N, C-alpha and C. Protein backbone atom coordinates (compact mmCIF):
# COMPACT_ATOMS: atom_id res chain seq x y z
N MET A 1 0.88 -0.99 0.32
CA MET A 1 0.12 0.24 0.01
C MET A 1 0.66 1.61 0.28
N ASP A 2 1.79 0.98 0.97
CA ASP A 2 3.24 2.14 0.35
C ASP A 2 3.75 2.98 -0.84
N VAL A 3 3.48 1.61 -1.74
CA VAL A 3 4.20 2.13 -2.71
C VAL A 3 2.97 3.04 -3.71
N ILE A 4 2.02 2.49 -3.55
CA ILE A 4 0.60 3.24 -4.09
C ILE A 4 0.65 4.64 -3.79
N PHE A 5 0.96 4.78 -2.66
CA PHE A 5 1.24 6.55 -1.92
C PHE A 5 2.64 7.50 -2.52
N GLY A 6 3.12 6.03 -3.21
CA GLY A 6 4.60 7.13 -3.81
C GLY A 6 3.81 6.96 -5.45
N LEU A 7 3.95 6.05 -5.71
CA LEU A 7 3.49 6.21 -7.31
C LEU A 7 2.51 7.28 -8.09
N ILE A 8 1.73 7.43 -7.12
CA ILE A 8 0.36 8.42 -8.03
C ILE A 8 0.52 9.45 -8.27
N PRO A 9 1.77 10.46 -7.09
CA PRO A 9 1.91 11.46 -7.22
C PRO A 9 3.16 11.67 -8.26
N MET A 10 3.57 10.45 -8.12
CA MET A 10 4.85 10.28 -9.51
C MET A 10 4.29 10.23 -11.03
N MET A 11 3.11 9.69 -11.04
CA MET A 11 2.31 9.54 -12.53
C MET A 11 1.36 10.63 -12.38
N LEU A 12 0.89 11.43 -11.53
CA LEU A 12 0.37 13.02 -11.81
C LEU A 12 1.36 14.02 -12.24
N ILE A 13 2.98 13.63 -11.76
CA ILE A 13 3.66 14.34 -11.98
C ILE A 13 3.76 14.21 -13.54
N ALA A 14 4.57 13.27 -13.94
CA ALA A 14 4.84 12.83 -15.36
C ALA A 14 3.52 13.12 -16.38
N GLY A 15 1.99 12.67 -16.14
CA GLY A 15 1.20 13.81 -16.59
C GLY A 15 1.84 14.86 -17.05
N PHE A 16 1.27 15.84 -15.81
CA PHE A 16 2.05 16.92 -16.15
C PHE A 16 2.75 17.56 -16.77
N ILE A 17 3.71 17.25 -16.71
CA ILE A 17 4.65 17.45 -17.74
C ILE A 17 4.57 17.16 -18.95
N SER A 18 4.12 15.97 -19.12
CA SER A 18 3.65 15.75 -20.81
C SER A 18 2.45 16.22 -21.37
N VAL A 19 1.34 17.08 -20.35
CA VAL A 19 0.49 17.58 -21.23
C VAL A 19 1.45 19.23 -21.43
N VAL A 20 2.55 19.52 -20.52
CA VAL A 20 2.75 20.72 -20.58
C VAL A 20 3.85 20.72 -21.91
N VAL A 21 4.55 19.42 -22.57
CA VAL A 21 5.57 19.50 -23.41
C VAL A 21 4.33 19.21 -24.61
N PHE A 22 2.71 18.85 -24.17
CA PHE A 22 2.07 18.56 -25.52
C PHE A 22 1.58 20.26 -26.22
N ILE A 23 1.59 21.03 -24.91
CA ILE A 23 0.96 22.26 -25.37
C ILE A 23 2.06 23.18 -25.78
N LEU A 24 3.26 22.50 -25.35
CA LEU A 24 4.57 23.71 -25.63
C LEU A 24 4.61 23.44 -27.52
N MET A 25 5.02 22.08 -27.56
CA MET A 25 4.63 21.70 -29.12
C MET A 25 4.15 22.22 -30.14
N ALA A 26 2.71 22.05 -29.73
CA ALA A 26 1.53 22.56 -30.87
C ALA A 26 1.81 24.01 -30.40
N LYS A 27 2.01 24.66 -29.78
CA LYS A 27 2.40 26.73 -29.51
C LYS A 27 3.39 27.22 -30.87
N SER A 28 4.44 26.07 -30.64
CA SER A 28 5.78 26.03 -31.28
C SER A 28 5.13 25.85 -33.06
N GLY A 29 4.54 25.07 -32.70
CA GLY A 29 4.31 24.92 -34.89
C GLY A 29 4.58 23.05 -35.42
N GLN A 30 5.13 22.61 -34.30
CA GLN A 30 5.67 20.95 -34.79
C GLN A 30 4.49 20.22 -35.61
N LEU A 31 3.25 20.59 -35.29
CA LEU A 31 2.21 19.59 -34.99
C LEU A 31 1.02 19.94 -36.14
N ASP A 32 1.64 21.03 -37.11
CA ASP A 32 1.03 21.90 -37.60
C ASP A 32 0.95 20.55 -38.98
N ASP A 33 1.36 20.49 -39.56
CA ASP A 33 1.30 20.24 -41.44
C ASP A 33 2.10 18.13 -41.03
N LEU A 34 1.09 17.01 -40.21
CA LEU A 34 1.27 15.70 -39.68
C LEU A 34 1.36 15.03 -41.43
N ASP A 35 0.99 15.88 -42.59
CA ASP A 35 0.90 14.96 -43.31
C ASP A 35 1.52 15.35 -44.59
N GLY A 36 2.10 16.23 -44.32
CA GLY A 36 3.94 16.22 -45.49
C GLY A 36 4.67 15.84 -45.00
N ALA A 37 4.84 15.08 -43.99
CA ALA A 37 6.27 14.69 -44.13
C ALA A 37 5.84 13.15 -44.45
N ALA A 38 4.59 12.25 -45.10
CA ALA A 38 4.11 11.22 -45.06
C ALA A 38 3.77 11.15 -46.49
N ASN A 39 3.37 12.43 -47.35
CA ASN A 39 3.30 12.64 -48.25
C ASN A 39 4.59 12.92 -49.41
N SER A 40 5.22 13.18 -48.36
CA SER A 40 6.96 13.33 -48.95
C SER A 40 7.30 12.11 -49.55
N ILE A 41 7.44 10.85 -48.97
CA ILE A 41 7.99 9.63 -49.69
C ILE A 41 7.09 8.81 -51.00
N PHE A 42 6.73 9.83 -51.53
CA PHE A 42 5.43 9.75 -52.80
C PHE A 42 6.18 10.52 -53.97
N LEU A 43 6.50 11.63 -53.73
CA LEU A 43 7.44 12.83 -54.31
C LEU A 43 9.15 11.88 -54.85
N ASP A 44 8.87 11.96 -56.60
CA ASP A 44 10.21 11.66 -57.09
C ASP A 44 11.47 12.68 -56.65
N ASP A 45 12.26 11.76 -56.62
CA ASP A 45 13.91 12.53 -56.69
C ASP A 45 14.09 13.66 -57.15
N GLU A 46 15.14 14.67 -57.30
CA GLU A 46 15.39 15.42 -58.19
C GLU A 46 16.58 15.30 -58.62
N TYR A 47 16.83 13.76 -58.80
CA TYR A 47 18.23 13.38 -59.65
C TYR A 47 17.48 13.56 -60.94
N GLU A 48 19.09 14.20 -61.62
CA GLU A 48 18.57 13.90 -63.07
C GLU A 48 19.06 12.91 -63.86
N GLU A 49 18.65 12.94 -64.97
CA GLU A 49 19.48 11.20 -65.55
C GLU A 49 20.60 11.43 -66.08
N ASP A 50 21.69 12.45 -66.46
CA ASP A 50 22.91 13.11 -66.39
C ASP A 50 23.20 12.23 -65.46
N GLU A 51 23.11 12.42 -64.43
CA GLU A 51 23.86 12.26 -63.14
C GLU A 51 23.75 10.79 -63.06
N VAL A 52 23.24 9.67 -62.84
CA VAL A 52 23.03 8.79 -63.07
C VAL A 52 23.62 8.23 -63.80
N GLN A 53 23.50 8.56 -65.34
CA GLN A 53 24.62 8.71 -66.85
C GLN A 53 25.72 8.38 -66.19
N ASP A 54 26.32 9.39 -65.81
CA ASP A 54 27.81 9.82 -65.12
C ASP A 54 28.09 8.59 -64.28
N THR A 55 27.32 8.43 -63.16
CA THR A 55 27.31 7.46 -62.27
C THR A 55 28.33 5.57 -62.96
N LYS A 56 26.81 6.38 -64.10
CA LYS A 56 27.16 4.02 -64.50
C LYS A 56 28.34 3.91 -65.92
N GLU A 57 28.88 5.14 -65.89
CA GLU A 57 30.04 5.45 -66.91
C GLU A 57 31.70 5.38 -66.36
N ALA A 58 31.55 6.22 -64.86
CA ALA A 58 31.98 6.23 -64.15
C ALA A 58 32.50 4.46 -63.28
N THR A 59 31.42 3.65 -63.17
CA THR A 59 31.59 2.28 -62.63
C THR A 59 32.48 1.95 -63.79
N ARG A 60 31.76 1.88 -65.09
CA ARG A 60 32.49 1.12 -66.41
C ARG A 60 33.60 1.36 -66.23
N GLU A 61 34.28 2.43 -65.79
CA GLU A 61 35.30 2.33 -66.28
C GLU A 61 36.38 2.23 -65.21
N GLN A 62 36.30 2.15 -63.58
CA GLN A 62 36.65 1.28 -62.56
C GLN A 62 36.76 -0.04 -62.56
N GLN A 63 35.85 -0.61 -63.50
CA GLN A 63 35.36 -1.85 -63.57
C GLN A 63 36.98 -2.09 -64.95
N SER A 64 36.72 -1.86 -65.42
CA SER A 64 38.26 -2.19 -66.93
C SER A 64 38.96 -2.14 -66.72
N SER A 65 40.29 -2.52 -67.14
CA SER A 65 41.77 -2.69 -67.05
C SER A 65 42.33 -1.51 -67.39
N PRO A 66 43.31 -1.41 -67.20
CA PRO A 66 44.22 -0.15 -67.09
C PRO A 66 44.47 0.38 -68.76
N ASP A 67 44.65 -0.88 -69.49
CA ASP A 67 44.86 -0.18 -70.99
C ASP A 67 43.83 -0.06 -71.72
N GLU A 68 42.39 -0.13 -71.39
CA GLU A 68 41.40 -0.08 -72.58
C GLU A 68 41.36 1.70 -72.00
N ASN A 69 41.29 2.04 -70.33
CA ASN A 69 41.30 3.42 -70.60
C ASN A 69 42.32 4.45 -71.58
N LYS A 70 43.77 3.66 -71.60
CA LYS A 70 44.07 4.18 -72.05
C LYS A 70 43.74 4.58 -73.84
N GLU A 71 43.17 3.43 -74.24
CA GLU A 71 42.54 3.33 -75.39
C GLU A 71 41.42 4.31 -75.74
N LYS A 72 40.44 4.41 -74.47
CA LYS A 72 39.56 5.17 -74.56
C LYS A 72 40.15 6.45 -74.95
N GLU A 73 40.88 7.16 -74.03
CA GLU A 73 41.15 8.55 -73.90
C GLU A 73 42.49 8.83 -74.94
N GLN A 74 43.00 8.12 -76.37
CA GLN A 74 43.48 8.58 -77.21
C GLN A 74 42.65 8.58 -78.52
N PRO A 75 42.18 9.25 -79.32
CA PRO A 75 41.58 9.96 -80.85
C PRO A 75 42.23 8.66 -81.63
């Protein structure tokens, strides 16, 4: 029974702190746009196709032997 007398005030204090934090978050605007972050995963990335092609070409050059790279560089 003594434990209950200690837990009740602790839970009331924890609940009060939670309510205060929630109110401060609501006033600061952190809860204004709940759907924006959820819908942002559906948007395409802003990568251009040229960047993708450049990375593919760089990967091919890295995988090829040094002799092949010299032949490509000479006109």
